[in-house]
């Protein structure tokens, strides 16, 4: 089987090193509840046959076993008579890809056993086991102590995720006000990662609230109650941070859209100003062309040299033609000047 580690604990101490799962189950039957002993079996990516075999030995509920095989469950706590089934969604942040990776851990808790089923290499629960074995007084409280320690590890691992998201959001704010055209895609992608974190954290708050309420009624588990309450506080903080990140990214996206619109308006204004300036230049050129064209037209008419043209034999014809050219040009100049074309 894909057994990572398994052991039987009596009074908070690891009683021996079983060489197989069968030996662990045999020791569990020997010690059992009478000696305050319980077994902790850790599995990594077991197949359906392996879980079914364990389910038969420990009388695990079929519906919970089916969920553990299929995976892709939301965080939850379900009770089946004497067995509790807990689903956790650990998360870690891959900074190079700006990607929130989410794993899955299933726990079966009975009166004298804990089965942890991991579907990802992260987190490694060996450190959790070592921490509990270093604190026999906590481990002596049985399977609930294992659940608390795993919860604490999962929730603590959310902190680097929120730090990574916070760092990337700071970078995005710089990009937005720096006019980076690719920032909209990055905002959307990061929003999806925040939603992924929320899906892992938000349902966990309800699970922890129930565990904290239950442990408050057990005076012999004061230390466990305090630990669960601390984990619940950290979970609430992570959930609030994720919600703030989502709102902040939404606001940043709106600001970016406004800035993009403003830059587009400024570009259109510049284009309009350029077009208007070009139009003014065309007016000036056209005005001067009209002023110069009028004398040319008069000169062309009087220079056709036909015999029967009027005023050809008139003594004042030449001065009159020149005066007409000047008068026409001055008139056009004044008209264009009044209209602002010159």
Protein backbone atom coordinates (compact mmCIF):
# COMPACT_ATOMS: atom_id res chain seq x y z
CA UNK A 1 0.00 0.00 0.00
CA UNK A 2 0.99 3.64 -0.33
CA UNK A 3 1.60 3.91 3.40
CA UNK A 4 3.85 6.85 4.24
CA UNK A 5 3.93 6.16 7.97
CA UNK A 6 1.84 4.27 10.49
CA UNK A 7 2.13 3.71 14.20
CA UNK A 8 0.20 2.92 17.34
CA UNK A 9 0.39 5.46 20.18
CA UNK A 10 -0.30 4.62 23.81
CA UNK A 11 -0.54 7.43 26.40
CA UNK A 12 0.93 9.84 23.89
CA UNK A 13 3.99 7.71 23.17
CA UNK A 14 4.83 5.80 20.03
CA UNK A 15 4.65 2.22 21.21
CA UNK A 16 6.56 0.53 18.38
CA UNK A 17 7.53 0.59 14.70
CA UNK A 18 5.09 -1.70 12.82
CA UNK A 19 6.65 -3.16 9.71
CA UNK A 20 3.33 -3.34 7.84
CA UNK A 21 -0.23 -2.11 7.91
CA UNK A 22 -1.42 -5.54 8.99
CA UNK A 23 0.88 -5.35 12.00
CA UNK A 24 -0.49 -1.89 12.83
CA UNK A 25 -4.07 -3.15 12.74
CA UNK A 26 -3.11 -6.13 14.89
CA UNK A 27 -1.50 -3.85 17.48
CA UNK A 28 -4.57 -1.62 17.40
CA UNK A 29 -6.78 -4.58 18.32
CA UNK A 30 -4.37 -5.44 21.15
CA UNK A 31 -4.17 -1.96 22.72
CA UNK A 32 -7.46 -0.36 21.72
CA UNK A 33 -9.39 2.00 23.89
CA UNK A 34 -8.66 0.22 27.14
CA UNK A 35 -5.02 1.35 27.02
CA UNK A 36 -5.80 4.84 25.65
CA UNK A 37 -4.10 3.79 22.45
CA UNK A 38 -4.86 4.72 18.88
CA UNK A 39 -3.35 4.15 15.46
CA UNK A 40 -2.34 6.84 13.01
CA UNK A 41 -2.11 5.59 9.43
CA UNK A 42 -0.83 7.98 6.77
CA UNK A 43 -1.55 7.24 3.09
CA UNK A 44 -0.41 9.03 -0.07
CA UNK A 45 -2.51 8.74 -3.25
CA UNK A 46 -4.04 5.33 -2.45
CA UNK A 47 -6.21 3.65 -5.06
CA UNK A 48 -9.75 2.44 -4.54
CA UNK A 49 -8.76 -1.13 -3.62
CA UNK A 50 -6.37 0.06 -0.93
CA UNK A 51 -8.94 2.32 0.70
CA UNK A 52 -11.64 -0.35 0.46
CA UNK A 53 -9.41 -2.80 2.29
CA UNK A 54 -8.80 -0.27 5.06
CA UNK A 55 -12.49 0.59 5.14
CA UNK A 56 -13.37 -3.05 5.82
CA UNK A 57 -10.83 -3.32 8.64
CA UNK A 58 -11.89 -0.07 10.35
CA UNK A 59 -15.59 -0.02 9.36
CA UNK A 60 -15.30 3.27 7.52
CA UNK A 61 -18.54 4.74 6.10
CA UNK A 62 -18.96 3.92 2.37
CA UNK A 63 -20.02 7.46 1.39
CA UNK A 64 -16.92 8.96 3.00
CA UNK A 65 -14.73 6.32 1.39
CA UNK A 66 -16.22 7.18 -2.00
CA UNK A 67 -15.42 10.88 -1.42
CA UNK A 68 -11.86 10.01 -0.42
CA UNK A 69 -11.35 8.01 -3.62
CA UNK A 70 -12.84 10.59 -5.97
CA UNK A 71 -11.25 13.59 -4.18
CA UNK A 72 -12.07 17.11 -5.42
CA UNK A 73 -14.19 17.76 -2.34
CA UNK A 74 -14.80 21.05 -0.56
CA UNK A 75 -13.61 21.42 3.07
CA UNK A 76 -16.15 19.81 5.37
CA UNK A 77 -16.73 17.79 8.52
CA UNK A 78 -19.18 14.88 8.39
CA UNK A 79 -20.12 12.49 11.18
CA UNK A 80 -21.11 8.86 10.66
CA UNK A 81 -21.93 7.26 14.01
CA UNK A 82 -18.50 6.75 15.62
CA UNK A 83 -16.46 7.95 12.63
CA UNK A 84 -15.77 11.52 11.56
CA UNK A 85 -14.73 12.41 8.03
CA UNK A 86 -12.85 15.67 7.48
CA UNK A 87 -11.76 17.20 4.17
CA UNK A 88 -9.08 19.91 4.12
CA UNK A 89 -7.70 21.90 1.19
CA UNK A 90 -4.05 22.88 1.79
CA UNK A 91 -2.66 25.57 -0.50
CA UNK A 92 0.76 26.82 -1.54
CA UNK A 93 1.87 29.63 -3.85
CA UNK A 94 4.11 29.22 -6.89
CA UNK A 95 5.54 32.69 -7.29
CA UNK A 96 7.12 32.08 -10.71
CA UNK A 97 3.71 31.31 -12.24
CA UNK A 98 1.66 33.45 -9.84
CA UNK A 99 -0.39 30.33 -9.25
CA UNK A 100 -2.16 29.11 -6.11
CA UNK A 101 -1.85 25.32 -6.01
CA UNK A 102 -4.44 23.51 -3.90
CA UNK A 103 -4.11 19.96 -2.62
CA UNK A 104 -6.47 17.78 -0.63
CA UNK A 105 -6.24 15.90 2.66
CA UNK A 106 -8.92 13.52 3.95
CA UNK A 107 -9.02 12.37 7.56
CA UNK A 108 -11.01 9.50 9.05
CA UNK A 109 -11.23 9.77 12.82
CA UNK A 110 -12.51 6.99 15.02
CA UNK A 111 -12.25 6.43 18.74
CA UNK A 112 -8.96 4.57 18.37
CA UNK A 113 -7.64 5.44 14.92
CA UNK A 114 -6.81 8.26 12.51
CA UNK A 115 -6.34 7.72 8.78
CA UNK A 116 -4.88 10.61 6.78
CA UNK A 117 -5.22 10.39 3.01
CA UNK A 118 -3.20 12.85 0.94
CA UNK A 119 -3.71 13.43 -2.77
CA UNK A 120 -0.66 15.70 -3.17
CA UNK A 121 2.92 15.67 -1.93
CA UNK A 122 2.35 19.01 -0.21
CA UNK A 123 2.10 19.38 2.70
CA UNK A 124 4.38 16.72 4.10
CA UNK A 125 2.71 15.55 7.32
CA UNK A 126 5.89 13.98 8.66
CA UNK A 127 6.70 17.29 10.39
CA UNK A 128 3.22 17.29 11.95
CA UNK A 129 3.77 13.77 13.27
CA UNK A 130 7.18 14.75 14.64
CA UNK A 131 5.70 17.80 16.38
CA UNK A 132 3.01 15.70 18.07
CA UNK A 133 5.44 12.99 19.09
CA UNK A 134 7.53 15.69 20.75
CA UNK A 135 4.48 16.70 22.83
CA UNK A 136 3.13 13.50 24.45
CA UNK A 137 0.63 15.40 26.62
CA UNK A 138 -1.09 16.75 23.49
CA UNK A 139 -0.81 13.47 21.56
CA UNK A 140 -2.34 11.62 24.54
CA UNK A 141 -5.64 13.38 23.78
CA UNK A 142 -6.11 10.99 20.90
CA UNK A 143 -7.28 11.40 17.29
CA UNK A 144 -8.59 14.93 17.88
CA UNK A 145 -5.03 16.03 18.66
CA UNK A 146 -3.95 14.74 15.23
CA UNK A 147 -6.82 16.61 13.59
CA UNK A 148 -5.82 19.80 15.41
CA UNK A 149 -2.14 19.46 14.38
CA UNK A 150 -3.03 18.84 10.73
CA UNK A 151 -5.44 21.78 10.75
CA UNK A 152 -2.78 23.99 12.28
CA UNK A 153 -0.28 23.03 9.59
CA UNK A 154 -2.75 23.58 6.76
CA UNK A 155 -3.82 27.00 8.06
CA UNK A 156 -0.22 28.08 8.75
CA UNK A 157 0.62 27.26 5.13
CA UNK A 158 -2.02 29.77 4.01
CA UNK A 159 0.15 32.63 5.33
CA UNK A 160 2.86 32.39 2.61
CA UNK A 161 0.06 32.29 0.03
CA UNK A 162 -1.44 35.55 1.27
CA UNK A 163 2.03 37.11 1.35
CA UNK A 164 2.66 36.10 -2.25
CA UNK A 165 -0.70 37.48 -3.35
CA UNK A 166 -0.09 40.72 -1.47
CA UNK A 167 3.30 41.14 -3.17
CA UNK A 168 1.82 40.55 -6.62
CA UNK A 169 -1.00 43.01 -5.97
CA UNK A 170 1.57 45.67 -5.04
CA UNK A 171 3.33 44.99 -8.34
CA UNK A 172 0.04 45.25 -10.22
CA UNK A 173 -0.68 48.65 -8.67
CA UNK A 174 2.68 49.87 -9.96
CA UNK A 175 1.91 48.47 -13.42
CA UNK A 176 -1.52 50.10 -13.52
CA UNK A 177 -0.22 53.59 -12.84
CA UNK A 178 2.77 52.94 -15.08
CA UNK A 179 0.49 52.36 -18.07
CA UNK A 180 1.45 48.71 -18.71
CA UNK A 181 -1.03 47.45 -21.36
CA UNK A 182 -0.73 43.80 -20.22
CA UNK A 183 -1.81 44.44 -16.64
CA UNK A 184 -5.52 43.71 -17.24
CA UNK A 185 -4.77 40.06 -18.01
CA UNK A 186 -2.59 39.78 -14.92
CA UNK A 187 -5.34 41.28 -12.74
CA UNK A 188 -7.85 38.73 -14.03
CA UNK A 189 -5.49 35.80 -13.52
CA UNK A 190 -4.63 36.88 -9.99
CA UNK A 191 -8.35 37.30 -9.22
CA UNK A 192 -8.84 33.67 -10.19
CA UNK A 193 -6.06 32.62 -7.81
CA UNK A 194 -7.68 34.57 -4.97
CA UNK A 195 -10.99 32.82 -5.66
CA UNK A 196 -9.16 29.48 -5.54
CA UNK A 197 -7.81 30.38 -2.10
CA UNK A 198 -11.26 31.44 -0.91
CA UNK A 199 -12.72 28.09 -1.98
CA UNK A 200 -10.16 26.37 0.23
CA UNK A 201 -10.47 28.68 3.24
CA UNK A 202 -14.06 29.91 3.56
CA UNK A 203 -15.75 26.49 4.13
CA UNK A 204 -13.07 25.68 6.69
CA UNK A 205 -14.35 28.42 8.99
CA UNK A 206 -17.60 26.54 9.54
CA UNK A 207 -15.70 23.32 10.27
CA UNK A 208 -13.51 25.03 12.86
CA UNK A 209 -16.42 26.82 14.49
CA UNK A 210 -18.06 23.46 15.09
CA UNK A 211 -14.87 21.89 16.47
CA UNK A 212 -14.22 24.85 18.76
CA UNK A 213 -17.79 24.69 20.11
CA UNK A 214 -17.46 20.95 20.79
CA UNK A 215 -14.09 21.18 22.52
CA UNK A 216 -15.35 23.98 24.77
CA UNK A 217 -17.60 21.45 26.53
CA UNK A 218 -14.70 19.09 27.29
CA UNK A 219 -12.81 20.33 30.36
CA UNK A 220 -10.08 17.70 29.90
CA UNK A 221 -9.22 19.14 26.48
CA UNK A 222 -8.55 22.76 27.43
CA UNK A 223 -5.22 22.85 25.58
CA UNK A 224 -6.81 21.38 22.49
CA UNK A 225 -9.67 23.89 22.68
CA UNK A 226 -7.24 26.81 22.89
CA UNK A 227 -5.28 25.47 19.92
CA UNK A 228 -8.40 25.03 17.80
CA UNK A 229 -9.55 28.53 18.69
CA UNK A 230 -6.19 29.91 17.59
CA UNK A 231 -6.42 28.01 14.30
CA UNK A 232 -9.96 29.37 13.82
CA UNK A 233 -8.69 32.93 14.33
CA UNK A 234 -5.94 32.44 11.75
CA UNK A 235 -8.44 30.94 9.33
CA UNK A 236 -10.73 33.95 9.76
CA UNK A 237 -7.81 36.29 9.12
CA UNK A 238 -6.87 34.42 5.95
CA UNK A 239 -10.48 34.46 4.75
CA UNK A 240 -10.74 38.20 5.38
CA UNK A 241 -7.44 38.81 3.60
CA UNK A 242 -8.62 36.84 0.57
CA UNK A 243 -11.89 38.78 0.53
CA UNK A 244 -9.97 42.08 0.76
CA UNK A 245 -7.67 40.95 -2.08
CA UNK A 246 -10.66 40.16 -4.27
CA UNK A 247 -12.26 43.54 -3.62
CA UNK A 248 -8.96 45.32 -4.11
CA UNK A 249 -8.34 43.60 -7.43
CA UNK A 250 -11.84 44.54 -8.53
CA UNK A 251 -11.16 48.17 -7.65
CA UNK A 252 -7.78 48.06 -9.39
CA UNK A 253 -9.43 46.67 -12.51
CA UNK A 254 -11.93 49.55 -12.49
CA UNK A 255 -9.15 52.09 -11.97
CA UNK A 256 -7.16 50.53 -14.80
CA UNK A 257 -10.20 50.71 -17.10
CA UNK A 258 -10.67 54.38 -16.15
CA UNK A 259 -6.99 55.12 -16.80
CA UNK A 260 -7.11 53.33 -20.14
CA UNK A 261 -10.20 55.34 -21.07
CA UNK A 262 -8.49 58.54 -19.97
CA UNK A 263 -5.41 57.76 -22.04
CA UNK A 264 -7.61 57.00 -25.04
CA UNK A 265 -9.47 60.28 -24.57
CA UNK A 266 -6.20 62.16 -24.35
CA UNK A 267 -5.01 60.45 -27.52
CA UNK A 268 -8.25 61.37 -29.30
CA UNK A 269 -7.90 64.94 -28.06
CA UNK A 270 -4.37 65.13 -29.41
CA UNK A 271 -5.54 63.73 -32.74
CA UNK A 272 -8.38 66.25 -32.83
CA UNK A 273 -6.02 69.11 -32.04
CA UNK A 274 -3.68 67.93 -34.78
CA UNK A 275 -6.58 67.70 -37.21
CA UNK A 276 -7.78 71.18 -36.27
CA UNK A 277 -4.27 72.57 -36.70
CA UNK A 278 -4.04 70.96 -40.10
CA UNK A 279 -7.44 72.42 -40.99
CA UNK A 280 -6.25 75.91 -40.03
CA UNK A 281 -3.21 75.52 -42.21
CA UNK A 282 -5.38 74.34 -45.11
CA UNK A 283 -7.57 77.44 -44.64
CA UNK A 284 -4.57 79.74 -44.81
CA UNK A 285 -3.17 78.02 -47.87
CA UNK A 286 -6.57 78.08 -49.58
CA UNK A 287 -7.07 81.77 -48.71
CA UNK A 288 -3.72 82.82 -50.15
CA UNK A 289 -4.35 80.63 -53.18
CA UNK A 290 -7.67 82.42 -53.75
CA UNK A 291 -6.05 85.84 -53.32
CA UNK A 292 -3.30 84.98 -55.79
CA UNK A 293 -5.72 83.31 -58.18
CA UNK A 294 -7.93 86.44 -58.64
CA UNK A 295 -5.23 88.69 -60.23
CA UNK A 296 -4.13 85.77 -62.34
CA UNK A 297 -7.70 85.32 -63.56
CA UNK A 298 -8.08 89.01 -64.45
CA UNK A 299 -4.70 89.08 -66.15
CA UNK A 300 -5.55 85.95 -68.10
CA UNK A 301 -8.81 87.47 -69.34
CA UNK A 302 -7.18 90.70 -70.47
CA UNK A 303 -4.31 88.86 -72.04
CA UNK A 304 -6.37 86.86 -74.52
CA UNK A 305 -5.78 89.55 -77.26
CA UNK A 306 -9.02 89.14 -79.19
CA UNK A 307 -9.84 92.07 -81.54
CA UNK A 308 -13.43 92.55 -80.48
CA UNK A 309 -12.84 92.45 -76.70
CA UNK A 310 -14.27 95.52 -74.87
CA UNK A 311 -11.91 98.10 -73.39
CA UNK A 312 -8.94 97.00 -75.58
CA UNK A 313 -8.68 100.49 -77.07
CA UNK A 314 -9.44 102.25 -73.78
CA UNK A 315 -6.65 104.48 -72.51
CA UNK A 316 -7.33 103.67 -68.86
CA UNK A 317 -7.77 99.94 -69.50
CA UNK A 318 -4.34 98.98 -68.18
CA UNK A 319 -4.56 100.99 -64.93
CA UNK A 320 -8.12 99.79 -64.51
CA UNK A 321 -7.02 96.13 -64.80
CA UNK A 322 -4.26 96.64 -62.24
CA UNK A 323 -6.62 98.44 -59.90
CA UNK A 324 -9.21 95.68 -60.27
CA UNK A 325 -6.57 93.09 -59.37
CA UNK A 326 -5.53 95.03 -56.27
CA UNK A 327 -9.14 95.71 -55.24
CA UNK A 328 -10.16 92.07 -55.64
CA UNK A 329 -7.09 90.82 -53.72
CA UNK A 330 -7.58 93.30 -50.86
CA UNK A 331 -11.27 92.45 -50.66
CA UNK A 332 -10.57 88.72 -50.43
CA UNK A 333 -7.84 89.35 -47.85
CA UNK A 334 -10.21 91.35 -45.64
CA UNK A 335 -12.98 88.76 -45.96
CA UNK A 336 -10.66 85.87 -45.06
CA UNK A 337 -9.10 87.86 -42.23
CA UNK A 338 -12.51 88.64 -40.76
CA UNK A 339 -13.41 84.95 -40.80
CA UNK A 340 -10.15 84.05 -39.08
CA UNK A 341 -8.66 82.19 -41.95
CA UNK A 342 -5.58 84.43 -42.09
